[in-house]
């Protein structure tokens, strides 16, 4: 029988993978403006590593904070929102609720790209 903890972990991983897909889809909005800043990409990679069981949650969380720092430094909305999407996706390793924020910021990035 699967325990509630195992179900929670599996649900968290599923949420994270969806959030990572959303963040990765809009990552180009950040990378086009900041080609030398890999913090959001590293956050996505950290999230994937955590989902595979290869990285501790604390390391994924550090990568999430770094992506959010990149977002604060970005001048264009689409880039900022894309970095936020990556940060929230990686932070899903810590708190599952971050996944919905990753999806929301990815949608904002798609909308903002037309305004930048």
Protein backbone atom coordinates (compact mmCIF):
# COMPACT_ATOMS: atom_id res chain seq x y z
CA UNK A 1 0.00 0.00 0.00
CA UNK A 2 1.22 3.49 -0.84
CA UNK A 3 1.45 5.85 2.10
CA UNK A 4 -0.02 9.35 2.14
CA UNK A 5 3.51 10.76 2.19
CA UNK A 6 4.38 8.86 -0.98
CA UNK A 7 1.21 10.11 -2.66
CA UNK A 8 2.00 13.67 -1.59
CA UNK A 9 5.52 13.37 -3.00
CA UNK A 10 4.24 11.93 -6.28
CA UNK A 11 1.66 14.70 -6.58
CA UNK A 12 4.33 17.31 -5.81
CA UNK A 13 6.60 15.89 -8.50
CA UNK A 14 3.75 15.90 -11.03
CA UNK A 15 2.94 19.52 -10.17
CA UNK A 16 6.59 20.44 -10.46
CA UNK A 17 7.01 18.82 -13.86
CA UNK A 18 4.02 20.78 -15.19
CA UNK A 19 5.42 24.01 -13.70
CA UNK A 20 8.84 23.29 -15.20
CA UNK A 21 7.29 22.80 -18.64
CA UNK A 22 5.51 26.14 -18.34
CA UNK A 23 8.68 27.89 -17.21
CA UNK A 24 10.81 26.28 -19.89
CA UNK A 25 8.33 27.28 -22.58
CA UNK A 26 8.80 31.00 -21.78
CA UNK A 27 12.48 30.90 -20.81
CA UNK A 28 13.42 32.34 -24.22
CA UNK A 29 11.80 35.63 -23.16
CA UNK A 30 14.46 35.95 -20.47
CA UNK A 31 17.40 34.49 -22.35
CA UNK A 32 16.86 36.71 -25.40
CA UNK A 33 17.40 39.79 -23.23
CA UNK A 34 19.96 38.28 -20.83
CA UNK A 35 21.98 35.69 -22.76
CA UNK A 36 24.77 35.61 -20.18
CA UNK A 37 22.50 35.05 -17.16
CA UNK A 38 21.77 31.37 -16.66
CA UNK A 39 20.08 31.58 -13.25
CA UNK A 40 16.54 30.87 -14.49
CA UNK A 41 17.77 27.98 -16.66
CA UNK A 42 19.75 26.62 -13.70
CA UNK A 43 16.58 26.79 -11.59
CA UNK A 44 14.70 24.73 -14.16
CA UNK A 45 17.56 22.23 -14.28
CA UNK A 46 17.58 22.06 -10.47
CA UNK A 47 13.86 21.40 -10.41
CA UNK A 48 14.24 18.55 -12.88
CA UNK A 49 17.14 17.12 -10.86
CA UNK A 50 15.03 17.26 -7.68
CA UNK A 51 12.14 15.51 -9.43
CA UNK A 52 14.53 12.72 -10.45
CA UNK A 53 15.77 12.42 -6.86
CA UNK A 54 19.24 13.70 -7.76
CA UNK A 55 19.19 16.99 -5.84
CA UNK A 56 18.20 17.95 -2.33
CA UNK A 57 15.20 20.22 -1.88
CA UNK A 58 17.42 22.84 -0.27
CA UNK A 59 19.57 23.05 -3.40
CA UNK A 60 16.50 23.44 -5.62
CA UNK A 61 15.33 26.20 -3.29
CA UNK A 62 18.68 28.02 -3.59
CA UNK A 63 18.35 27.86 -7.39
CA UNK A 64 14.81 29.23 -7.10
CA UNK A 65 16.04 32.21 -5.07
CA UNK A 66 18.70 32.88 -7.72
CA UNK A 67 16.09 32.90 -10.48
CA UNK A 68 14.02 35.39 -8.48
CA UNK A 69 17.10 37.58 -8.10
CA UNK A 70 17.50 37.49 -11.88
CA UNK A 71 13.86 38.54 -12.19
CA UNK A 72 14.41 41.53 -9.92
CA UNK A 73 17.32 42.64 -12.14
CA UNK A 74 15.44 42.23 -15.44
CA UNK A 75 14.18 45.48 -16.94
CA UNK A 76 11.63 44.02 -19.35
CA UNK A 77 8.39 42.52 -18.10
CA UNK A 78 8.45 39.40 -20.26
CA UNK A 79 11.99 38.59 -19.09
CA UNK A 80 11.07 39.32 -15.48
CA UNK A 81 7.97 37.13 -15.60
CA UNK A 82 9.86 34.29 -17.31
CA UNK A 83 12.52 34.32 -14.58
CA UNK A 84 9.77 34.35 -11.94
CA UNK A 85 8.17 31.34 -13.62
CA UNK A 86 11.48 29.47 -13.38
CA UNK A 87 11.93 30.47 -9.75
CA UNK A 88 8.47 29.32 -8.74
CA UNK A 89 8.84 26.10 -10.68
CA UNK A 90 12.03 25.22 -8.80
CA UNK A 91 10.49 26.33 -5.50
CA UNK A 92 7.81 23.70 -5.96
CA UNK A 93 10.36 21.28 -4.48
CA UNK A 94 9.88 23.16 -1.21
CA UNK A 95 6.17 24.06 -1.36
CA UNK A 96 3.83 22.49 -3.92
CA UNK A 97 1.76 25.67 -4.13
CA UNK A 98 4.53 27.40 -6.05
CA UNK A 99 3.55 25.40 -9.15
CA UNK A 100 0.45 27.50 -9.78
CA UNK A 101 2.55 30.66 -9.55
CA UNK A 102 4.97 29.28 -12.16
CA UNK A 103 2.07 28.70 -14.53
CA UNK A 104 0.65 32.17 -13.85
CA UNK A 105 3.99 33.91 -14.44
CA UNK A 106 4.51 31.93 -17.64
CA UNK A 107 1.14 33.19 -18.89
CA UNK A 108 2.11 36.75 -17.89
CA UNK A 109 5.41 36.38 -19.77
CA UNK A 110 3.57 35.34 -22.92
CA UNK A 111 1.27 38.35 -22.64
CA UNK A 112 4.03 40.81 -21.76
CA UNK A 113 6.24 39.84 -24.68
CA UNK A 114 3.85 41.76 -26.92
CA UNK A 115 4.19 44.87 -24.72
CA UNK A 116 8.00 44.99 -24.40
